[in-house]
Amino acid sequence: MDIPNQKPRSIFKGLITLYLIFLAIFFALAPFLTLTLYAETDLSLSLLPQLIGFCLQGAFLVVVFSIYERRSTITSKSSNKFALRTVLSNFVNPCMGNNQIDTGWLPSPNMFVEAIDKLRKNDLDEQTISALKNTAQEQINSMEALTVLVAQIDHTHIEVWSAILRNCRIIRESSNQKSVTAAAIGLLEDIQHFDSLEIY
């Protein structure tokens, strides 16, 4: 599966790494070059001070662009995760009973725990199972397509997303009440885990 913009970012990071290595070597050798080449020469007549100044300016620009790229990357990942959370909220609502949430949002950790405990004590009723199956049938193709967005966040998110997809397939295909309930419990746990993951 191709990940958009992965290659240009890798090239950019490689160039920054090479430039930083060059700066480290240059500043490590600068005192020795000064003593060797300009021991008996007026430094004001040489290009060494200008070269040092140029390197310092370059290092400053590299730091600024690195910070900008980092912030842009985190913003992009956060936007992707928000879109994914909107899809996942469709699966959470049927399991929440009377504590339903607005579409596009996920409940608090306490509400997740309450819903999971409730499911462990009592199997899902036929109405809830039907709602979950319909949601899985409608959303699973879109969720598989959205895997590209998950891959742009990090490998941890995509591992949890894969577990979510597995439980969704079980819910869609199983006709056994206990199997659907077990898959719903796993789904809620995975969604809670996905929502709690940090973006770096």
Protein backbone atom coordinates (compact mmCIF):
# COMPACT_ATOMS: atom_id res chain seq x y z
CA MET A 1 0.00 0.00 0.00
CA ASP A 2 1.47 3.36 -1.05
CA ILE A 3 1.58 6.13 1.52
CA PRO A 4 1.32 9.62 -0.03
CA ASN A 5 4.20 12.08 0.53
CA GLN A 6 6.27 9.46 2.36
CA LYS A 7 9.16 9.57 -0.16
CA PRO A 8 9.51 13.40 -0.33
CA ARG A 9 9.50 13.60 3.49
CA SER A 10 12.17 10.90 3.69
CA ILE A 11 14.36 12.79 1.19
CA PHE A 12 13.87 16.05 3.09
CA LYS A 13 14.80 14.42 6.40
CA GLY A 14 17.86 12.85 4.76
CA LEU A 15 19.05 16.22 3.47
CA ILE A 16 18.59 17.80 6.90
CA THR A 17 20.56 14.95 8.51
CA LEU A 18 23.42 15.34 6.01
CA TYR A 19 23.51 19.11 6.55
CA LEU A 20 23.59 18.73 10.33
CA ILE A 21 26.43 16.19 10.02
CA PHE A 22 28.32 18.68 7.83
CA LEU A 23 27.80 21.44 10.42
CA ALA A 24 29.04 19.20 13.24
CA ILE A 25 32.18 18.25 11.30
CA PHE A 26 32.80 21.84 10.18
CA PHE A 27 32.54 23.33 13.67
CA ALA A 28 34.66 20.53 15.10
CA LEU A 29 37.40 21.28 12.56
CA ALA A 30 37.02 25.08 12.54
CA PRO A 31 39.50 25.76 15.41
CA PHE A 32 42.14 23.50 13.83
CA LEU A 33 41.61 25.08 10.40
CA THR A 34 41.96 28.52 11.93
CA LEU A 35 45.21 27.65 13.71
CA THR A 36 46.65 25.83 10.69
CA LEU A 37 45.70 28.15 7.85
CA TYR A 38 45.49 31.53 9.52
CA ALA A 39 48.00 31.36 12.37
CA GLU A 40 49.98 34.27 10.94
CA THR A 41 47.17 35.91 8.95
CA ASP A 42 44.67 38.61 9.82
CA LEU A 43 41.31 36.83 10.05
CA SER A 44 39.56 39.95 8.79
CA LEU A 45 41.14 39.27 5.38
CA SER A 46 39.93 35.67 5.19
CA LEU A 47 36.58 34.12 4.27
CA LEU A 48 36.46 31.92 7.37
CA PRO A 49 34.33 34.29 9.51
CA GLN A 50 31.84 34.69 6.63
CA LEU A 51 31.75 30.92 6.17
CA ILE A 52 31.05 30.41 9.88
CA GLY A 53 28.28 33.01 9.73
CA PHE A 54 26.78 31.32 6.67
CA CYS A 55 26.77 27.96 8.45
CA LEU A 56 25.10 29.46 11.52
CA GLN A 57 22.39 31.02 9.36
CA GLY A 58 21.90 27.71 7.58
CA ALA A 59 21.59 25.89 10.90
CA PHE A 60 18.97 28.40 12.04
CA LEU A 61 16.95 27.91 8.84
CA VAL A 62 17.16 24.13 9.19
CA VAL A 63 15.80 24.34 12.75
CA VAL A 64 12.96 26.66 11.66
CA PHE A 65 11.94 24.43 8.75
CA SER A 66 12.18 21.31 10.93
CA ILE A 67 9.84 22.85 13.52
CA TYR A 68 7.43 23.93 10.76
CA GLU A 69 7.43 20.47 9.18
CA ARG A 70 6.90 18.83 12.58
CA ARG A 71 3.90 21.05 13.38
CA SER A 72 2.43 20.50 9.91
CA THR A 73 2.83 16.74 10.28
CA ILE A 74 1.13 16.65 13.70
CA THR A 75 -1.72 18.85 12.41
CA SER A 76 -2.23 16.54 9.43
CA LYS A 77 -2.21 13.42 11.64
CA SER A 78 -4.68 15.02 14.06
CA SER A 79 -7.04 15.84 11.18
CA ASN A 80 -6.84 12.26 9.95
CA LYS A 81 -7.58 10.91 13.41
CA PHE A 82 -10.59 13.19 13.82
CA ALA A 83 -12.06 11.82 10.57
CA LEU A 84 -11.46 8.28 11.79
CA ARG A 85 -13.08 9.00 15.18
CA THR A 86 -16.19 10.21 13.35
CA VAL A 87 -16.54 6.82 11.65
CA LEU A 88 -15.90 4.89 14.87
CA SER A 89 -18.58 6.80 16.78
CA ASN A 90 -21.19 5.09 14.58
CA PHE A 91 -20.25 1.75 16.18
CA VAL A 92 -20.15 3.07 19.74
CA ASN A 93 -23.68 4.48 19.87
CA PRO A 94 -25.60 1.16 19.56
CA CYS A 95 -23.59 -0.22 22.51
CA MET A 96 -24.09 2.77 24.81
CA GLY A 97 -27.74 2.19 25.66
CA ASN A 98 -29.19 5.30 27.27
CA ASN A 99 -25.83 7.10 27.25
CA GLN A 100 -25.67 7.72 23.52
CA ILE A 101 -23.28 10.33 22.19
CA ASP A 102 -23.41 12.81 19.34
CA THR A 103 -22.20 11.45 16.01
CA GLY A 104 -18.59 12.46 15.43
CA TRP A 105 -17.55 12.18 19.06
CA LEU A 106 -16.40 9.36 21.31
CA PRO A 107 -17.44 8.94 24.95
CA SER A 108 -15.28 9.47 28.01
CA PRO A 109 -13.19 6.56 29.36
CA ASN A 110 -15.69 6.08 32.20
CA MET A 111 -18.57 5.66 29.75
CA PHE A 112 -16.50 3.10 27.82
CA VAL A 113 -15.88 1.14 31.02
CA GLU A 114 -19.58 1.21 31.96
CA ALA A 115 -20.65 0.02 28.51
CA ILE A 116 -18.07 -2.79 28.49
CA ASP A 117 -19.08 -3.95 32.00
CA LYS A 118 -22.73 -3.94 30.97
CA LEU A 119 -21.98 -6.11 27.92
CA ARG A 120 -19.97 -8.57 30.01
CA LYS A 121 -22.95 -9.08 32.32
CA ASN A 122 -25.64 -9.29 29.65
CA ASP A 123 -25.56 -10.29 25.99
CA LEU A 124 -26.67 -7.78 23.41
CA ASP A 125 -30.36 -7.77 22.58
CA GLU A 126 -31.59 -8.47 19.06
CA GLN A 127 -32.26 -4.79 18.31
CA THR A 128 -28.72 -3.74 19.23
CA ILE A 129 -27.22 -6.65 17.29
CA SER A 130 -29.24 -5.64 14.24
CA ALA A 131 -28.07 -2.03 14.57
CA LEU A 132 -24.42 -3.11 14.88
CA LYS A 133 -24.70 -5.45 11.89
CA ASN A 134 -26.25 -2.72 9.76
CA THR A 135 -23.52 -0.27 10.78
CA ALA A 136 -20.80 -2.82 10.03
CA GLN A 137 -22.36 -3.58 6.64
CA GLU A 138 -22.54 0.11 5.74
CA GLN A 139 -19.19 1.26 7.14
CA ILE A 140 -16.67 -1.57 6.73
CA ASN A 141 -15.79 -0.82 3.09
CA SER A 142 -15.20 2.83 3.95
CA MET A 143 -13.12 1.82 6.96
CA GLU A 144 -10.94 -0.43 4.80
CA ALA A 145 -10.40 2.49 2.41
CA LEU A 146 -9.55 4.79 5.33
CA THR A 147 -6.66 2.50 6.29
CA VAL A 148 -4.52 4.79 4.12
CA LEU A 149 -5.19 7.66 6.56
CA VAL A 150 -4.38 5.45 9.54
CA ALA A 151 -1.07 4.45 7.94
CA GLN A 152 -0.11 8.12 7.76
CA ILE A 153 -0.39 8.45 11.55
CA ASP A 154 1.88 5.63 12.81
CA HIS A 155 2.22 1.85 13.05
CA THR A 156 0.56 1.66 16.49
CA HIS A 157 -2.64 3.27 15.20
CA ILE A 158 -2.77 0.95 12.21
CA GLU A 159 -2.33 -2.14 14.44
CA VAL A 160 -5.31 -1.10 16.58
CA TRP A 161 -7.29 -0.15 13.45
CA SER A 162 -6.70 -3.65 12.07
CA ALA A 163 -8.08 -5.14 15.29
CA ILE A 164 -11.14 -2.89 14.99
CA LEU A 165 -11.71 -4.10 11.43
CA ARG A 166 -11.45 -7.74 12.55
CA ASN A 167 -14.16 -7.24 15.17
CA CYS A 168 -16.35 -5.38 12.67
CA ARG A 169 -16.12 -8.33 10.26
CA ILE A 170 -17.07 -10.73 13.06
CA ILE A 171 -20.10 -8.58 13.93
CA ARG A 172 -21.14 -8.42 10.28
CA GLU A 173 -20.73 -12.13 9.55
CA SER A 174 -21.65 -13.86 12.85
CA SER A 175 -25.19 -14.97 13.62
CA ASN A 176 -24.40 -16.11 17.17
CA GLN A 177 -25.50 -13.72 19.93
CA LYS A 178 -22.56 -14.49 22.20
CA SER A 179 -20.05 -14.12 19.37
CA VAL A 180 -21.46 -10.72 18.41
CA THR A 181 -21.42 -9.62 22.07
CA ALA A 182 -17.79 -10.73 22.47
CA ALA A 183 -16.86 -8.91 19.26
CA ALA A 184 -18.69 -5.79 20.46
CA ILE A 185 -16.73 -5.86 23.73
CA GLY A 186 -13.47 -6.22 21.80
CA LEU A 187 -14.57 -3.44 19.45
CA LEU A 188 -15.26 -1.02 22.29
CA GLU A 189 -11.92 -1.85 23.93
CA ASP A 190 -10.07 -1.33 20.65
CA ILE A 191 -11.87 1.95 19.92
CA GLN A 192 -11.04 3.22 23.41
CA HIS A 193 -7.41 2.19 22.89
CA PHE A 194 -7.33 3.88 19.47
CA ASP A 195 -8.77 7.09 20.88
CA SER A 196 -6.24 7.18 23.74
CA LEU A 197 -3.16 6.79 21.53
CA GLU A 198 -0.90 9.83 21.40
CA ILE A 199 0.17 11.39 18.10
CA TYR A 200 3.90 12.00 17.67
